[in-house]
Amino acid sequence: MPDVHLGKGSTIGSVIPTKGAIIPAAVGVDIGCGMNALRTAVNGGRPA
């Protein structure tokens, strides 16, 4: 679910792989912005 746009601190949607490190400046101001993913029984069939 790409969502890349300008942010404060880092680009929103950035992925920074790290091993044994935390980069607080990379969190940005959108933490907890309400994005969510869930599984449903809806399939990718013909649109309604």
PDB file of N, CA and C in Angstrom:
ATOM      1  N   MET A   1       0.837  -1.170   0.000  1.00  0.00           N
ATOM      2  CA  MET A   1       0.000   0.000   0.000  1.00  0.00           C
ATOM      3  C   MET A   1       0.890   1.243   0.000  1.00  0.00           C
ATOM      4  N   PRO A   2       1.512   1.566  -1.125  1.00  0.00           N
ATOM      5  CA  PRO A   2       2.390   2.724  -1.134  1.00  0.00           C
ATOM      6  C   PRO A   2       1.642   4.020  -0.878  1.00  0.00           C
ATOM      7  N   ASP A   3       2.235   4.860  -0.090  1.00  0.00           N
ATOM      8  CA  ASP A   3       1.678   6.172   0.219  1.00  0.00           C
ATOM      9  C   ASP A   3       2.867   7.073   0.504  1.00  0.00           C
ATOM     10  N   VAL A   4       3.424   7.680  -0.529  1.00  0.00           N
ATOM     11  CA  VAL A   4       4.626   8.478  -0.358  1.00  0.00           C
ATOM     12  C   VAL A   4       4.317   9.936  -0.643  1.00  0.00           C
ATOM     13  N   HIS A   5       4.548  10.790   0.335  1.00  0.00           N
ATOM     14  CA  HIS A   5       4.413  12.230   0.155  1.00  0.00           C
ATOM     15  C   HIS A   5       5.307  12.937   1.168  1.00  0.00           C
ATOM     16  N   LEU A   6       5.510  14.229   0.952  1.00  0.00           N
ATOM     17  CA  LEU A   6       6.398  14.985   1.831  1.00  0.00           C
ATOM     18  C   LEU A   6       5.916  14.935   3.273  1.00  0.00           C
ATOM     19  N   GLY A   7       6.845  14.887   4.169  1.00  0.00           N
ATOM     20  CA  GLY A   7       6.514  14.877   5.587  1.00  0.00           C
ATOM     21  C   GLY A   7       7.497  15.737   6.356  1.00  0.00           C
ATOM     22  N   LYS A   8       7.332  15.798   7.643  1.00  0.00           N
ATOM     23  CA  LYS A   8       8.241  16.561   8.499  1.00  0.00           C
ATOM     24  C   LYS A   8       9.120  15.557   9.231  1.00  0.00           C
ATOM     25  N   GLY A   9      10.384  15.561   8.954  1.00  0.00           N
ATOM     26  CA  GLY A   9      11.307  14.596   9.542  1.00  0.00           C
ATOM     27  C   GLY A   9      11.744  13.571   8.515  1.00  0.00           C
ATOM     28  N   SER A  10      10.810  12.967   7.840  1.00  0.00           N
ATOM     29  CA  SER A  10      11.109  12.013   6.770  1.00  0.00           C
ATOM     30  C   SER A  10       9.915  11.938   5.833  1.00  0.00           C
ATOM     31  N   THR A  11      10.144  11.377   4.657  1.00  0.00           N
ATOM     32  CA  THR A  11       9.059  11.213   3.693  1.00  0.00           C
ATOM     33  C   THR A  11       8.047  10.222   4.241  1.00  0.00           C
ATOM     34  N   ILE A  12       6.760  10.554   4.170  1.00  0.00           N
ATOM     35  CA  ILE A  12       5.707   9.660   4.638  1.00  0.00           C
ATOM     36  C   ILE A  12       5.699   8.437   3.729  1.00  0.00           C
ATOM     37  N   GLY A  13       5.699   7.269   4.321  1.00  0.00           N
ATOM     38  CA  GLY A  13       5.719   6.032   3.547  1.00  0.00           C
ATOM     39  C   GLY A  13       7.111   5.457   3.369  1.00  0.00           C
ATOM     40  N   SER A  14       8.115   6.117   3.923  1.00  0.00           N
ATOM     41  CA  SER A  14       9.489   5.620   3.819  1.00  0.00           C
ATOM     42  C   SER A  14       9.637   4.303   4.561  1.00  0.00           C
ATOM     43  N   VAL A  15      10.484   3.454   4.033  1.00  0.00           N
ATOM     44  CA  VAL A  15      10.849   2.213   4.711  1.00  0.00           C
ATOM     45  C   VAL A  15      12.356   2.239   4.877  1.00  0.00           C
ATOM     46  N   ILE A  16      12.811   2.180   6.113  1.00  0.00           N
ATOM     47  CA  ILE A  16      14.239   2.227   6.398  1.00  0.00           C
ATOM     48  C   ILE A  16      14.608   0.947   7.145  1.00  0.00           C
ATOM     49  N   PRO A  17      15.147  -0.037   6.430  1.00  0.00           N
ATOM     50  CA  PRO A  17      15.511  -1.287   7.110  1.00  0.00           C
ATOM     51  C   PRO A  17      16.713  -1.069   8.030  1.00  0.00           C
ATOM     52  N   THR A  18      16.583  -1.502   9.261  1.00  0.00           N
ATOM     53  CA  THR A  18      17.676  -1.393  10.224  1.00  0.00           C
ATOM     54  C   THR A  18      17.798  -2.710  10.972  1.00  0.00           C
ATOM     55  N   LYS A  19      18.941  -2.913  11.556  1.00  0.00           N
ATOM     56  CA  LYS A  19      19.157  -4.108  12.366  1.00  0.00           C
ATOM     57  C   LYS A  19      19.751  -3.657  13.695  1.00  0.00           C
ATOM     58  N   GLY A  20      18.971  -3.797  14.751  1.00  0.00           N
ATOM     59  CA  GLY A  20      19.440  -3.405  16.067  1.00  0.00           C
ATOM     60  C   GLY A  20      19.518  -1.903  16.267  1.00  0.00           C
ATOM     61  N   ALA A  21      18.670  -1.151  15.550  1.00  0.00           N
ATOM     62  CA  ALA A  21      18.703   0.305  15.674  1.00  0.00           C
ATOM     63  C   ALA A  21      17.298   0.875  15.581  1.00  0.00           C
ATOM     64  N   ILE A  22      17.099   2.013  16.217  1.00  0.00           N
ATOM     65  CA  ILE A  22      15.854   2.767  16.116  1.00  0.00           C
ATOM     66  C   ILE A  22      16.235   4.180  15.699  1.00  0.00           C
ATOM     67  N   ILE A  23      15.515   4.740  14.726  1.00  0.00           N
ATOM     68  CA  ILE A  23      15.810   6.084  14.239  1.00  0.00           C
ATOM     69  C   ILE A  23      14.602   6.970  14.537  1.00  0.00           C
ATOM     70  N   PRO A  24      14.576   7.643  15.697  1.00  0.00           N
ATOM     71  CA  PRO A  24      13.409   8.452  16.073  1.00  0.00           C
ATOM     72  C   PRO A  24      13.056   9.529  15.053  1.00  0.00           C
ATOM     73  N   ALA A  25      14.047  10.133  14.399  1.00  0.00           N
ATOM     74  CA  ALA A  25      13.769  11.197  13.431  1.00  0.00           C
ATOM     75  C   ALA A  25      13.028  10.672  12.206  1.00  0.00           C
ATOM     76  N   ALA A  26      13.068   9.371  11.967  1.00  0.00           N
ATOM     77  CA  ALA A  26      12.408   8.793  10.801  1.00  0.00           C
ATOM     78  C   ALA A  26      10.934   8.494  11.050  1.00  0.00           C
ATOM     79  N   VAL A  27      10.466   8.670  12.274  1.00  0.00           N
ATOM     80  CA  VAL A  27       9.063   8.388  12.577  1.00  0.00           C
ATOM     81  C   VAL A  27       8.151   9.413  11.938  1.00  0.00           C
ATOM     82  N   GLY A  28       8.514  10.670  11.957  1.00  0.00           N
ATOM     83  CA  GLY A  28       7.696  11.723  11.352  1.00  0.00           C
ATOM     84  C   GLY A  28       6.504  12.077  12.219  1.00  0.00           C
ATOM     85  N   VAL A  29       5.673  12.969  11.706  1.00  0.00           N
ATOM     86  CA  VAL A  29       4.534  13.455  12.477  1.00  0.00           C
ATOM     87  C   VAL A  29       3.244  12.700  12.174  1.00  0.00           C
ATOM     88  N   ASP A  30       3.298  11.715  11.299  1.00  0.00           N
ATOM     89  CA  ASP A  30       2.083  10.988  10.930  1.00  0.00           C
ATOM     90  C   ASP A  30       1.903   9.701  11.726  1.00  0.00           C
ATOM     91  N   ILE A  31       2.687   9.486  12.771  1.00  0.00           N
ATOM     92  CA  ILE A  31       2.578   8.253  13.540  1.00  0.00           C
ATOM     93  C   ILE A  31       1.154   8.120  14.083  1.00  0.00           C
ATOM     94  N   GLY A  32       0.575   6.973  13.896  1.00  0.00           N
ATOM     95  CA  GLY A  32      -0.800   6.749  14.334  1.00  0.00           C
ATOM     96  C   GLY A  32      -1.814   7.489  13.479  1.00  0.00           C
ATOM     97  N   CYS A  33      -1.540   7.621  12.186  1.00  0.00           N
ATOM     98  CA  CYS A  33      -2.417   8.422  11.321  1.00  0.00           C
ATOM     99  C   CYS A  33      -3.725   7.709  10.990  1.00  0.00           C
ATOM    100  N   GLY A  34      -3.891   6.481  11.424  1.00  0.00           N
ATOM    101  CA  GLY A  34      -5.165   5.800  11.216  1.00  0.00           C
ATOM    102  C   GLY A  34      -5.165   4.792  10.083  1.00  0.00           C
ATOM    103  N   MET A  35      -4.024   4.503   9.480  1.00  0.00           N
ATOM    104  CA  MET A  35      -3.959   3.480   8.439  1.00  0.00           C
ATOM    105  C   MET A  35      -4.231   2.130   9.087  1.00  0.00           C
ATOM    106  N   ASN A  36      -4.894   1.258   8.353  1.00  0.00           N
ATOM    107  CA  ASN A  36      -5.244  -0.040   8.896  1.00  0.00           C
ATOM    108  C   ASN A  36      -5.346  -1.038   7.759  1.00  0.00           C
ATOM    109  N   ALA A  37      -5.050  -2.284   8.015  1.00  0.00           N
ATOM    110  CA  ALA A  37      -5.212  -3.351   7.030  1.00  0.00           C
ATOM    111  C   ALA A  37      -5.967  -4.487   7.697  1.00  0.00           C
ATOM    112  N   LEU A  38      -6.882  -5.092   6.974  1.00  0.00           N
ATOM    113  CA  LEU A  38      -7.624  -6.212   7.531  1.00  0.00           C
ATOM    114  C   LEU A  38      -8.022  -7.172   6.426  1.00  0.00           C
ATOM    115  N   ARG A  39      -8.270  -8.395   6.798  1.00  0.00           N
ATOM    116  CA  ARG A  39      -8.672  -9.433   5.855  1.00  0.00           C
ATOM    117  C   ARG A  39     -10.191  -9.517   5.838  1.00  0.00           C
ATOM    118  N   THR A  40     -10.770  -9.618   4.635  1.00  0.00           N
ATOM    119  CA  THR A  40     -12.219  -9.764   4.497  1.00  0.00           C
ATOM    120  C   THR A  40     -12.522 -10.965   3.618  1.00  0.00           C
ATOM    121  N   ALA A  41     -13.787 -11.304   3.509  1.00  0.00           N
ATOM    122  CA  ALA A  41     -14.212 -12.405   2.647  1.00  0.00           C
ATOM    123  C   ALA A  41     -14.468 -11.930   1.214  1.00  0.00           C
ATOM    124  N   VAL A  42     -14.292 -10.648   0.948  1.00  0.00           N
ATOM    125  CA  VAL A  42     -14.519 -10.092  -0.389  1.00  0.00           C
ATOM    126  C   VAL A  42     -13.389 -10.542  -1.298  1.00  0.00           C
ATOM    127  N   ASN A  43     -13.741 -11.014  -2.502  1.00  0.00           N
ATOM    128  CA  ASN A  43     -12.699 -11.420  -3.443  1.00  0.00           C
ATOM    129  C   ASN A  43     -12.565 -10.377  -4.547  1.00  0.00           C
ATOM    130  N   GLY A  44     -11.616 -10.561  -5.415  1.00  0.00           N
ATOM    131  CA  GLY A  44     -11.351  -9.598  -6.478  1.00  0.00           C
ATOM    132  C   GLY A  44     -12.194  -9.833  -7.715  1.00  0.00           C
ATOM    133  N   GLY A  45     -13.413 -10.264  -7.547  1.00  0.00           N
ATOM    134  CA  GLY A  45     -14.300 -10.532  -8.681  1.00  0.00           C
ATOM    135  C   GLY A  45     -14.795  -9.274  -9.365  1.00  0.00           C
ATOM    136  N   ARG A  46     -15.859  -9.420 -10.079  1.00  0.00           N
ATOM    137  CA  ARG A  46     -16.451  -8.325 -10.848  1.00  0.00           C
ATOM    138  C   ARG A  46     -16.971  -7.223  -9.918  1.00  0.00           C
ATOM    139  N   PRO A  47     -16.675  -5.940 -10.236  1.00  0.00           N
ATOM    140  CA  PRO A  47     -17.162  -4.848  -9.385  1.00  0.00           C
ATOM    141  C   PRO A  47     -18.684  -4.756  -9.376  1.00  0.00           C
ATOM    142  N   ALA A  48     -19.223  -4.277  -8.281  1.00  0.00           N
ATOM    143  CA  ALA A  48     -20.679  -4.142  -8.151  1.00  0.00           C
ATOM    144  C   ALA A  48     -21.209  -3.012  -8.992  1.00  0.00           C
TER     145      ALA A  48
END
